[in-house]
All heavy atoms as atom14 arrays in JSON, in Angstrom:
{
  "sequence": "RSWYPHYFDISSEKFVEMMLLDSCFVVEYLLRCHQDFPDELSTILCMH",
  "atom14_mask": [
    [1, 1, 1, 1, 1, 1, 1, 1, 1, 1, 1, 0, 0, 0],
    [1, 1, 1, 1, 1, 1, 0, 0, 0, 0, 0, 0, 0, 0],
    [1, 1, 1, 1, 1, 1, 1, 1, 1, 1, 1, 1, 1, 1],
    [1, 1, 1, 1, 1, 1, 1, 1, 1, 1, 1, 1, 0, 0],
    [1, 1, 1, 1, 1, 1, 1, 0, 0, 0, 0, 0, 0, 0],
    [1, 1, 1, 1, 1, 1, 1, 1, 1, 1, 0, 0, 0, 0],
    [1, 1, 1, 1, 1, 1, 1, 1, 1, 1, 1, 1, 0, 0],
    [1, 1, 1, 1, 1, 1, 1, 1, 1, 1, 1, 0, 0, 0],
    [1, 1, 1, 1, 1, 1, 1, 1, 0, 0, 0, 0, 0, 0],
    [1, 1, 1, 1, 1, 1, 1, 1, 0, 0, 0, 0, 0, 0],
    [1, 1, 1, 1, 1, 1, 0, 0, 0, 0, 0, 0, 0, 0],
    [1, 1, 1, 1, 1, 1, 0, 0, 0, 0, 0, 0, 0, 0],
    [1, 1, 1, 1, 1, 1, 1, 1, 1, 0, 0, 0, 0, 0],
    [1, 1, 1, 1, 1, 1, 1, 1, 1, 0, 0, 0, 0, 0],
    [1, 1, 1, 1, 1, 1, 1, 1, 1, 1, 1, 0, 0, 0],
    [1, 1, 1, 1, 1, 1, 1, 0, 0, 0, 0, 0, 0, 0],
    [1, 1, 1, 1, 1, 1, 1, 1, 1, 0, 0, 0, 0, 0],
    [1, 1, 1, 1, 1, 1, 1, 1, 0, 0, 0, 0, 0, 0],
    [1, 1, 1, 1, 1, 1, 1, 1, 0, 0, 0, 0, 0, 0],
    [1, 1, 1, 1, 1, 1, 1, 1, 0, 0, 0, 0, 0, 0],
    [1, 1, 1, 1, 1, 1, 1, 1, 0, 0, 0, 0, 0, 0],
    [1, 1, 1, 1, 1, 1, 1, 1, 0, 0, 0, 0, 0, 0],
    [1, 1, 1, 1, 1, 1, 0, 0, 0, 0, 0, 0, 0, 0],
    [1, 1, 1, 1, 1, 1, 0, 0, 0, 0, 0, 0, 0, 0],
    [1, 1, 1, 1, 1, 1, 1, 1, 1, 1, 1, 0, 0, 0],
    [1, 1, 1, 1, 1, 1, 1, 0, 0, 0, 0, 0, 0, 0],
    [1, 1, 1, 1, 1, 1, 1, 0, 0, 0, 0, 0, 0, 0],
    [1, 1, 1, 1, 1, 1, 1, 1, 1, 0, 0, 0, 0, 0],
    [1, 1, 1, 1, 1, 1, 1, 1, 1, 1, 1, 1, 0, 0],
    [1, 1, 1, 1, 1, 1, 1, 1, 0, 0, 0, 0, 0, 0],
    [1, 1, 1, 1, 1, 1, 1, 1, 0, 0, 0, 0, 0, 0],
    [1, 1, 1, 1, 1, 1, 1, 1, 1, 1, 1, 0, 0, 0],
    [1, 1, 1, 1, 1, 1, 0, 0, 0, 0, 0, 0, 0, 0],
    [1, 1, 1, 1, 1, 1, 1, 1, 1, 1, 0, 0, 0, 0],
    [1, 1, 1, 1, 1, 1, 1, 1, 1, 0, 0, 0, 0, 0],
    [1, 1, 1, 1, 1, 1, 1, 1, 0, 0, 0, 0, 0, 0],
    [1, 1, 1, 1, 1, 1, 1, 1, 1, 1, 1, 0, 0, 0],
    [1, 1, 1, 1, 1, 1, 1, 0, 0, 0, 0, 0, 0, 0],
    [1, 1, 1, 1, 1, 1, 1, 1, 0, 0, 0, 0, 0, 0],
    [1, 1, 1, 1, 1, 1, 1, 1, 1, 0, 0, 0, 0, 0],
    [1, 1, 1, 1, 1, 1, 1, 1, 0, 0, 0, 0, 0, 0],
    [1, 1, 1, 1, 1, 1, 0, 0, 0, 0, 0, 0, 0, 0],
    [1, 1, 1, 1, 1, 1, 1, 0, 0, 0, 0, 0, 0, 0],
    [1, 1, 1, 1, 1, 1, 1, 1, 0, 0, 0, 0, 0, 0],
    [1, 1, 1, 1, 1, 1, 1, 1, 0, 0, 0, 0, 0, 0],
    [1, 1, 1, 1, 1, 1, 0, 0, 0, 0, 0, 0, 0, 0],
    [1, 1, 1, 1, 1, 1, 1, 1, 0, 0, 0, 0, 0, 0],
    [1, 1, 1, 1, 1, 1, 1, 1, 1, 1, 0, 0, 0, 0]
  ],
  "atom14_positions": [
    [[-27.16, -232.71, 28.42], [-26.21, -231.6, 28.66], [-25.24, -231.45, 27.49], [-24.81, -230.33, 27.17], [-25.46, -231.81, 29.96], [-26.28, -231.46, 31.23], [-25.44, -231.7, 32.45], [-26.13, -231.4, 33.7], [-26.04, -230.21, 34.34], [-25.28, -229.26, 33.85], [-26.69, -230.01, 35.47], [0.0, 0.0, 0.0], [0.0, 0.0, 0.0], [0.0, 0.0, 0.0]],
    [[-24.85, -232.56, 26.86], [-23.85, -232.5, 25.8], [-24.38, -231.76, 24.56], [-23.6, -231.36, 23.7], [-23.42, -233.92, 25.39], [-24.45, -234.6, 24.68], [0.0, 0.0, 0.0], [0.0, 0.0, 0.0], [0.0, 0.0, 0.0], [0.0, 0.0, 0.0], [0.0, 0.0, 0.0], [0.0, 0.0, 0.0], [0.0, 0.0, 0.0], [0.0, 0.0, 0.0]],
    [[-25.68, -231.6, 24.47], [-26.28, -230.87, 23.35], [-26.2, -229.37, 23.51], [-26.45, -228.62, 22.58], [-27.74, -231.3, 23.16], [-27.88, -232.61, 22.45], [-27.34, -233.8, 22.81], [-28.63, -232.86, 21.25], [-27.7, -234.79, 21.92], [-28.49, -234.23, 20.96], [-29.39, -232.06, 20.41], [-29.11, -234.81, 19.85], [-30.0, -232.64, 19.31], [-29.85, -234.0, 19.02]],
    [[-25.89, -228.92, 24.75], [-25.81, -227.48, 25.02], [-24.36, -227.15, 25.34], [-23.92, -227.3, 26.49], [-26.71, -227.11, 26.2], [-28.18, -227.42, 25.96], [-28.74, -228.59, 26.45], [-29.0, -226.52, 25.28], [-30.07, -228.87, 26.25], [-30.34, -226.79, 25.09], [-30.87, -227.97, 25.55], [-32.21, -228.24, 25.36], [0.0, 0.0, 0.0], [0.0, 0.0, 0.0]],
    [[-23.58, -226.71, 24.36], [-22.12, -226.57, 24.56], [-21.71, -225.41, 25.45], [-20.58, -225.39, 25.92], [-21.6, -226.37, 23.12], [-22.75, -225.75, 22.41], [-23.99, -226.37, 23.01], [0.0, 0.0, 0.0], [0.0, 0.0, 0.0], [0.0, 0.0, 0.0], [0.0, 0.0, 0.0], [0.0, 0.0, 0.0], [0.0, 0.0, 0.0], [0.0, 0.0, 0.0]],
    [[-22.58, -224.45, 25.66], [-22.21, -223.3, 26.47], [-22.46, -223.58, 27.95], [-23.5, -224.12, 28.32], [-22.95, -222.05, 26.02], [-22.53, -221.57, 24.67], [-22.94, -222.15, 23.51], [-21.67, -220.57, 24.31], [-22.38, -221.54, 22.47], [-21.61, -220.58, 22.93], [0.0, 0.0, 0.0], [0.0, 0.0, 0.0], [0.0, 0.0, 0.0], [0.0, 0.0, 0.0]],
    [[-21.53, -223.18, 28.76], [-21.59, -223.49, 30.2], [-22.79, -222.8, 30.86], [-23.11, -221.66, 30.6], [-20.31, -223.01, 30.88], [-20.33, -223.18, 32.38], [-20.16, -224.42, 32.95], [-20.57, -222.09, 33.21], [-20.18, -224.58, 34.32], [-20.62, -222.22, 34.57], [-20.4, -223.49, 35.14], [-20.46, -223.63, 36.5], [0.0, 0.0, 0.0], [0.0, 0.0, 0.0]],
    [[-23.47, -223.57, 31.7], [-24.53, -222.99, 32.52], [-24.47, -223.68, 33.87], [-24.35, -224.9, 33.99], [-25.92, -223.18, 31.87], [-26.16, -224.54, 31.28], [-26.75, -225.54, 32.02], [-25.79, -224.82, 29.98], [-26.97, -226.79, 31.49], [-26.03, -226.09, 29.44], [-26.62, -227.09, 30.21], [0.0, 0.0, 0.0], [0.0, 0.0, 0.0], [0.0, 0.0, 0.0]],
    [[-24.49, -222.89, 34.92], [-24.31, -223.38, 36.28], [-25.67, -223.74, 36.88], [-26.39, -222.88, 37.36], [-23.64, -222.29, 37.13], [-23.27, -222.81, 38.53], [-23.31, -224.04, 38.7], [-22.93, -221.99, 39.4], [0.0, 0.0, 0.0], [0.0, 0.0, 0.0], [0.0, 0.0, 0.0], [0.0, 0.0, 0.0], [0.0, 0.0, 0.0], [0.0, 0.0, 0.0]],
    [[-25.98, -225.02, 36.81], [-27.25, -225.5, 37.35], [-27.05, -226.92, 37.88], [-26.39, -227.74, 37.24], [-28.35, -225.46, 36.27], [-29.72, -225.89, 36.84], [-27.99, -226.31, 35.07], [-30.86, -225.65, 35.86], [0.0, 0.0, 0.0], [0.0, 0.0, 0.0], [0.0, 0.0, 0.0], [0.0, 0.0, 0.0], [0.0, 0.0, 0.0], [0.0, 0.0, 0.0]],
    [[-27.53, -227.19, 39.07], [-27.34, -228.48, 39.69], [-28.07, -229.57, 38.94], [-28.98, -229.3, 38.15], [-27.83, -228.44, 41.14], [-29.26, -228.28, 41.19], [0.0, 0.0, 0.0], [0.0, 0.0, 0.0], [0.0, 0.0, 0.0], [0.0, 0.0, 0.0], [0.0, 0.0, 0.0], [0.0, 0.0, 0.0], [0.0, 0.0, 0.0], [0.0, 0.0, 0.0]],
    [[-27.68, -230.82, 39.21], [-28.31, -231.95, 38.55], [-29.81, -231.99, 38.84], [-30.63, -232.22, 37.97], [-27.64, -233.26, 39.01], [-28.29, -234.38, 38.44], [0.0, 0.0, 0.0], [0.0, 0.0, 0.0], [0.0, 0.0, 0.0], [0.0, 0.0, 0.0], [0.0, 0.0, 0.0], [0.0, 0.0, 0.0], [0.0, 0.0, 0.0], [0.0, 0.0, 0.0]],
    [[-30.17, -231.77, 40.1], [-31.59, -231.83, 40.48], [-32.4, -230.76, 39.75], [-33.48, -231.06, 39.22], [-31.71, -231.62, 41.99], [-33.15, -231.71, 42.51], [-33.24, -231.5, 44.01], [-32.19, -231.32, 44.66], [-34.36, -231.5, 44.54], [0.0, 0.0, 0.0], [0.0, 0.0, 0.0], [0.0, 0.0, 0.0], [0.0, 0.0, 0.0], [0.0, 0.0, 0.0]],
    [[-31.89, -229.54, 39.71], [-32.59, -228.45, 39.02], [-32.65, -228.69, 37.51], [-33.63, -228.35, 36.85], [-31.92, -227.13, 39.33], [-32.14, -226.63, 40.75], [-33.61, -226.27, 40.97], [-33.86, -225.69, 42.37], [-35.29, -225.39, 42.58], [0.0, 0.0, 0.0], [0.0, 0.0, 0.0], [0.0, 0.0, 0.0], [0.0, 0.0, 0.0], [0.0, 0.0, 0.0]],
    [[-31.56, -229.26, 36.97], [-31.51, -229.51, 35.52], [-32.58, -230.54, 35.14], [-33.3, -230.36, 34.15], [-30.14, -230.01, 35.11], [-29.96, -230.22, 33.63], [-29.63, -229.16, 32.81], [-30.16, -231.47, 33.08], [-29.5, -229.35, 31.44], [-30.03, -231.69, 31.71], [-29.69, -230.62, 30.88], [0.0, 0.0, 0.0], [0.0, 0.0, 0.0], [0.0, 0.0, 0.0]],
    [[-32.67, -231.62, 35.91], [-33.67, -232.66, 35.64], [-35.08, -232.08, 35.74], [-35.95, -232.36, 34.89], [-33.49, -233.84, 36.61], [-34.68, -234.79, 36.53], [-32.18, -234.6, 36.26], [0.0, 0.0, 0.0], [0.0, 0.0, 0.0], [0.0, 0.0, 0.0], [0.0, 0.0, 0.0], [0.0, 0.0, 0.0], [0.0, 0.0, 0.0], [0.0, 0.0, 0.0]],
    [[-35.33, -231.28, 36.78], [-36.64, -230.68, 36.95], [-36.98, -229.75, 35.78], [-38.08, -229.79, 35.23], [-36.69, -229.87, 38.25], [-38.02, -229.16, 38.48], [-37.98, -228.26, 39.72], [-37.82, -228.79, 40.83], [-38.13, -227.02, 39.54], [0.0, 0.0, 0.0], [0.0, 0.0, 0.0], [0.0, 0.0, 0.0], [0.0, 0.0, 0.0], [0.0, 0.0, 0.0]],
    [[-36.01, -228.94, 35.38], [-36.23, -228.0, 34.26], [-36.54, -228.74, 32.97], [-37.53, -228.43, 32.28], [-34.98, -227.15, 34.06], [-35.0, -226.26, 32.82], [-33.37, -225.54, 32.48], [-32.44, -227.0, 32.02], [0.0, 0.0, 0.0], [0.0, 0.0, 0.0], [0.0, 0.0, 0.0], [0.0, 0.0, 0.0], [0.0, 0.0, 0.0], [0.0, 0.0, 0.0]],
    [[-35.73, -229.76, 32.63], [-35.93, -230.45, 31.38], [-37.23, -231.26, 31.37], [-37.89, -231.39, 30.34], [-34.75, -231.38, 31.09], [-33.44, -230.65, 30.8], [-33.54, -229.41, 29.47], [-34.04, -230.42, 28.09], [0.0, 0.0, 0.0], [0.0, 0.0, 0.0], [0.0, 0.0, 0.0], [0.0, 0.0, 0.0], [0.0, 0.0, 0.0], [0.0, 0.0, 0.0]],
    [[-37.6, -231.79, 32.53], [-38.86, -232.54, 32.61], [-40.05, -231.63, 32.4], [-40.97, -231.95, 31.63], [-38.96, -233.24, 33.97], [-40.22, -234.11, 34.2], [-40.32, -235.19, 33.15], [-40.22, -234.71, 35.6], [0.0, 0.0, 0.0], [0.0, 0.0, 0.0], [0.0, 0.0, 0.0], [0.0, 0.0, 0.0], [0.0, 0.0, 0.0], [0.0, 0.0, 0.0]],
    [[-40.06, -230.49, 33.08], [-41.16, -229.54, 32.93], [-41.24, -229.03, 31.49], [-42.33, -228.97, 30.89], [-40.99, -228.37, 33.9], [-41.31, -228.63, 35.36], [-40.88, -227.44, 36.21], [-42.8, -228.88, 35.55], [0.0, 0.0, 0.0], [0.0, 0.0, 0.0], [0.0, 0.0, 0.0], [0.0, 0.0, 0.0], [0.0, 0.0, 0.0], [0.0, 0.0, 0.0]],
    [[-40.11, -228.65, 30.93], [-40.11, -228.08, 29.56], [-40.51, -229.13, 28.55], [-41.3, -228.84, 27.63], [-38.71, -227.53, 29.24], [-38.36, -226.29, 30.06], [-39.25, -225.82, 30.81], [-37.23, -225.79, 29.94], [0.0, 0.0, 0.0], [0.0, 0.0, 0.0], [0.0, 0.0, 0.0], [0.0, 0.0, 0.0], [0.0, 0.0, 0.0], [0.0, 0.0, 0.0]],
    [[-39.98, -230.33, 28.67], [-40.29, -231.4, 27.7], [-41.77, -231.79, 27.78], [-42.42, -231.98, 26.73], [-39.43, -232.62, 27.94], [-38.05, -232.29, 27.84], [0.0, 0.0, 0.0], [0.0, 0.0, 0.0], [0.0, 0.0, 0.0], [0.0, 0.0, 0.0], [0.0, 0.0, 0.0], [0.0, 0.0, 0.0], [0.0, 0.0, 0.0], [0.0, 0.0, 0.0]],
    [[-42.27, -231.9, 28.98], [-43.68, -232.28, 29.13], [-44.6, -231.19, 28.6], [-45.64, -231.49, 28.01], [-43.99, -232.58, 30.6], [-43.35, -234.15, 31.17], [0.0, 0.0, 0.0], [0.0, 0.0, 0.0], [0.0, 0.0, 0.0], [0.0, 0.0, 0.0], [0.0, 0.0, 0.0], [0.0, 0.0, 0.0], [0.0, 0.0, 0.0], [0.0, 0.0, 0.0]],
    [[-44.21, -229.92, 28.81], [-45.04, -228.84, 28.26], [-45.1, -228.94, 26.73], [-46.18, -228.82, 26.14], [-44.48, -227.48, 28.66], [-45.29, -226.33, 28.11], [-46.31, -225.77, 28.87], [-45.05, -225.82, 26.84], [-47.08, -224.73, 28.38], [-45.82, -224.78, 26.33], [-46.83, -224.23, 27.09], [0.0, 0.0, 0.0], [0.0, 0.0, 0.0], [0.0, 0.0, 0.0]],
    [[-43.95, -229.15, 26.07], [-43.92, -229.19, 24.6], [-44.78, -230.35, 24.1], [-45.59, -230.18, 23.17], [-42.49, -229.3, 24.09], [-42.47, -229.56, 22.59], [-41.7, -228.03, 24.39], [0.0, 0.0, 0.0], [0.0, 0.0, 0.0], [0.0, 0.0, 0.0], [0.0, 0.0, 0.0], [0.0, 0.0, 0.0], [0.0, 0.0, 0.0], [0.0, 0.0, 0.0]],
    [[-44.62, -231.54, 24.68], [-45.37, -232.71, 24.22], [-46.87, -232.5, 24.45], [-47.69, -232.76, 23.55], [-44.88, -233.98, 24.93], [-45.81, -235.16, 24.6], [-43.45, -234.3, 24.51], [0.0, 0.0, 0.0], [0.0, 0.0, 0.0], [0.0, 0.0, 0.0], [0.0, 0.0, 0.0], [0.0, 0.0, 0.0], [0.0, 0.0, 0.0], [0.0, 0.0, 0.0]],
    [[-47.25, -232.04, 25.63], [-48.66, -231.82, 25.91], [-49.24, -230.73, 25.02], [-50.37, -230.82, 24.56], [-48.86, -231.46, 27.4], [-50.28, -231.15, 27.82], [-51.23, -232.33, 27.74], [-50.75, -233.51, 27.71], [-52.46, -232.11, 27.7], [0.0, 0.0, 0.0], [0.0, 0.0, 0.0], [0.0, 0.0, 0.0], [0.0, 0.0, 0.0], [0.0, 0.0, 0.0]],
    [[-48.45, -229.7, 24.75], [-48.9, -228.61, 23.9], [-49.15, -229.09, 22.48], [-50.16, -228.75, 21.84], [-47.88, -227.48, 23.89], [-48.31, -226.27, 23.09], [-49.32, -225.42, 23.59], [-47.75, -225.96, 21.86], [-49.75, -224.3, 22.88], [-48.16, -224.85, 21.15], [-49.17, -224.03, 21.65], [-49.58, -222.94, 20.92], [0.0, 0.0, 0.0], [0.0, 0.0, 0.0]],
    [[-48.25, -229.92, 21.95], [-48.44, -230.5, 20.62], [-49.7, -231.37, 20.57], [-50.45, -231.34, 19.58], [-47.22, -231.31, 20.21], [-45.9, -230.54, 19.97], [-44.77, -231.5, 19.61], [-46.07, -229.47, 18.89], [0.0, 0.0, 0.0], [0.0, 0.0, 0.0], [0.0, 0.0, 0.0], [0.0, 0.0, 0.0], [0.0, 0.0, 0.0], [0.0, 0.0, 0.0]],
    [[-49.91, -232.14, 21.62], [-51.12, -233.0, 21.69], [-52.38, -232.15, 21.7], [-53.35, -232.45, 20.99], [-51.06, -233.88, 22.94], [-50.19, -235.13, 22.83], [-49.96, -235.75, 24.22], [-50.83, -236.16, 21.92], [0.0, 0.0, 0.0], [0.0, 0.0, 0.0], [0.0, 0.0, 0.0], [0.0, 0.0, 0.0], [0.0, 0.0, 0.0], [0.0, 0.0, 0.0]],
    [[-52.4, -231.11, 22.49], [-53.6, -230.25, 22.59], [-53.87, -229.54, 21.27], [-55.04, -229.36, 20.88], [-53.45, -229.26, 23.74], [-53.43, -229.94, 25.09], [-53.55, -228.96, 26.25], [-53.49, -229.66, 27.53], [-53.9, -229.15, 28.69], [-54.42, -227.91, 28.72], [-53.81, -229.85, 29.8], [0.0, 0.0, 0.0], [0.0, 0.0, 0.0], [0.0, 0.0, 0.0]],
    [[-52.83, -229.08, 20.61], [-53.03, -228.43, 19.3], [-53.58, -229.42, 18.29], [-54.47, -229.08, 17.49], [-51.72, -227.82, 18.83], [-51.17, -226.37, 19.75], [0.0, 0.0, 0.0], [0.0, 0.0, 0.0], [0.0, 0.0, 0.0], [0.0, 0.0, 0.0], [0.0, 0.0, 0.0], [0.0, 0.0, 0.0], [0.0, 0.0, 0.0], [0.0, 0.0, 0.0]],
    [[-53.06, -230.65, 18.31], [-53.52, -231.67, 17.38], [-54.96, -232.04, 17.65], [-55.76, -232.27, 16.7], [-52.62, -232.9, 17.5], [-53.04, -234.04, 16.62], [-52.86, -234.02, 15.25], [-53.64, -235.22, 16.91], [-53.32, -235.14, 14.73], [-53.81, -235.9, 15.71], [0.0, 0.0, 0.0], [0.0, 0.0, 0.0], [0.0, 0.0, 0.0], [0.0, 0.0, 0.0]],
    [[-55.33, -232.13, 18.91], [-56.69, -232.52, 19.3], [-57.64, -231.34, 19.36], [-58.83, -231.52, 19.67], [-56.64, -233.23, 20.65], [-55.84, -234.54, 20.63], [-55.47, -235.03, 22.01], [-55.67, -234.34, 23.02], [-54.94, -236.24, 22.07], [0.0, 0.0, 0.0], [0.0, 0.0, 0.0], [0.0, 0.0, 0.0], [0.0, 0.0, 0.0], [0.0, 0.0, 0.0]],
    [[-57.11, -230.13, 19.07], [-57.91, -228.9, 19.16], [-58.61, -228.81, 20.51], [-59.79, -228.5, 20.62], [-58.95, -228.85, 18.03], [-59.45, -227.44, 17.77], [-58.76, -226.5, 18.19], [-60.51, -227.29, 17.15], [0.0, 0.0, 0.0], [0.0, 0.0, 0.0], [0.0, 0.0, 0.0], [0.0, 0.0, 0.0], [0.0, 0.0, 0.0], [0.0, 0.0, 0.0]],
    [[-57.78, -229.04, 21.55], [-58.31, -229.07, 22.92], [-58.24, -227.67, 23.54], [-57.17, -227.12, 23.7], [-57.47, -230.05, 23.76], [-57.9, -230.15, 25.2], [-58.97, -230.95, 25.56], [-57.22, -229.44, 26.19], [-59.35, -231.05, 26.88], [-57.59, -229.54, 27.52], [-58.67, -230.35, 27.86], [0.0, 0.0, 0.0], [0.0, 0.0, 0.0], [0.0, 0.0, 0.0]],
    [[-59.38, -227.05, 23.85], [-59.35, -225.7, 24.39], [-58.92, -225.7, 25.86], [-59.29, -226.58, 26.65], [-60.79, -225.24, 24.26], [-61.6, -226.49, 24.31], [-60.75, -227.55, 23.68], [0.0, 0.0, 0.0], [0.0, 0.0, 0.0], [0.0, 0.0, 0.0], [0.0, 0.0, 0.0], [0.0, 0.0, 0.0], [0.0, 0.0, 0.0], [0.0, 0.0, 0.0]],
    [[-58.09, -224.77, 26.24], [-57.71, -224.61, 27.66], [-57.5, -223.13, 27.94], [-57.86, -222.26, 27.13], [-56.43, -225.42, 27.97], [-55.21, -224.95, 27.17], [-55.32, -223.93, 26.45], [-54.16, -225.57, 27.27], [0.0, 0.0, 0.0], [0.0, 0.0, 0.0], [0.0, 0.0, 0.0], [0.0, 0.0, 0.0], [0.0, 0.0, 0.0], [0.0, 0.0, 0.0]],
    [[-56.93, -222.84, 29.08], [-56.81, -221.46, 29.49], [-55.94, -220.63, 28.54], [-56.19, -219.46, 28.3], [-56.2, -221.38, 30.92], [-56.17, -219.98, 31.51], [-55.62, -219.95, 32.91], [-55.52, -221.04, 33.55], [-55.28, -218.85, 33.39], [0.0, 0.0, 0.0], [0.0, 0.0, 0.0], [0.0, 0.0, 0.0], [0.0, 0.0, 0.0], [0.0, 0.0, 0.0]],
    [[-54.89, -221.26, 27.99], [-54.03, -220.55, 27.06], [-54.77, -220.11, 25.81], [-54.45, -219.06, 25.22], [-52.85, -221.43, 26.66], [-51.81, -221.74, 27.75], [-50.72, -222.65, 27.22], [-51.22, -220.46, 28.31], [0.0, 0.0, 0.0], [0.0, 0.0, 0.0], [0.0, 0.0, 0.0], [0.0, 0.0, 0.0], [0.0, 0.0, 0.0], [0.0, 0.0, 0.0]],
    [[-55.77, -220.89, 25.41], [-56.54, -220.57, 24.19], [-57.37, -219.31, 24.36], [-57.76, -218.69, 23.36], [-57.46, -221.75, 23.82], [-56.7, -222.92, 23.63], [0.0, 0.0, 0.0], [0.0, 0.0, 0.0], [0.0, 0.0, 0.0], [0.0, 0.0, 0.0], [0.0, 0.0, 0.0], [0.0, 0.0, 0.0], [0.0, 0.0, 0.0], [0.0, 0.0, 0.0]],
    [[-57.64, -218.93, 25.59], [-58.49, -217.76, 25.83], [-57.68, -216.46, 25.88], [-58.25, -215.37, 25.91], [-59.25, -217.91, 27.17], [-58.31, -217.91, 28.26], [-60.04, -219.2, 27.17], [0.0, 0.0, 0.0], [0.0, 0.0, 0.0], [0.0, 0.0, 0.0], [0.0, 0.0, 0.0], [0.0, 0.0, 0.0], [0.0, 0.0, 0.0], [0.0, 0.0, 0.0]],
    [[-56.34, -216.58, 25.89], [-55.48, -215.39, 25.96], [-55.14, -214.94, 24.55], [-54.64, -215.72, 23.73], [-54.2, -215.7, 26.75], [-54.55, -216.21, 28.15], [-53.32, -214.45, 26.84], [-53.34, -216.63, 28.96], [0.0, 0.0, 0.0], [0.0, 0.0, 0.0], [0.0, 0.0, 0.0], [0.0, 0.0, 0.0], [0.0, 0.0, 0.0], [0.0, 0.0, 0.0]],
    [[-55.42, -213.68, 24.24], [-55.26, -213.15, 22.9], [-53.82, -213.32, 22.4], [-52.86, -212.95, 23.11], [-55.66, -211.67, 22.88], [-55.65, -210.96, 21.52], [-56.71, -211.57, 20.61], [-55.89, -209.47, 21.69], [0.0, 0.0, 0.0], [0.0, 0.0, 0.0], [0.0, 0.0, 0.0], [0.0, 0.0, 0.0], [0.0, 0.0, 0.0], [0.0, 0.0, 0.0]],
    [[-53.68, -213.87, 21.23], [-52.37, -214.05, 20.54], [-51.42, -214.99, 21.25], [-50.24, -215.07, 20.87], [-51.68, -212.69, 20.35], [-52.58, -211.57, 19.25], [0.0, 0.0, 0.0], [0.0, 0.0, 0.0], [0.0, 0.0, 0.0], [0.0, 0.0, 0.0], [0.0, 0.0, 0.0], [0.0, 0.0, 0.0], [0.0, 0.0, 0.0], [0.0, 0.0, 0.0]],
    [[-51.88, -215.73, 22.27], [-50.97, -216.6, 23.02], [-50.33, -217.67, 22.14], [-49.13, -217.93, 22.24], [-51.73, -217.26, 24.17], [-50.88, -218.21, 25.01], [-49.41, -217.43, 25.71], [-50.13, -216.41, 26.99], [0.0, 0.0, 0.0], [0.0, 0.0, 0.0], [0.0, 0.0, 0.0], [0.0, 0.0, 0.0], [0.0, 0.0, 0.0], [0.0, 0.0, 0.0]],
    [[-51.12, -218.29, 21.27], [-50.57, -219.36, 20.43], [-49.52, -218.79, 19.45], [-48.54, -219.48, 19.13], [-51.69, -220.07, 19.67], [-52.54, -220.93, 20.55], [-52.01, -221.97, 21.3], [-53.87, -220.88, 20.85], [-52.99, -222.55, 21.99], [-54.12, -221.91, 21.74], [0.0, 0.0, 0.0], [0.0, 0.0, 0.0], [0.0, 0.0, 0.0], [0.0, 0.0, 0.0]]
  ]
}
């Protein structure tokens, strides 16, 4: 939270859920791009 200086009204539970989902998506996305792993996103035009 200290990295985001602007106030945002979100509970601790929702904040943890949000950051977990977002962080896991970024890490998994980087892994899939590195491994050239095709998935549903790869079939959507211009998605990457």
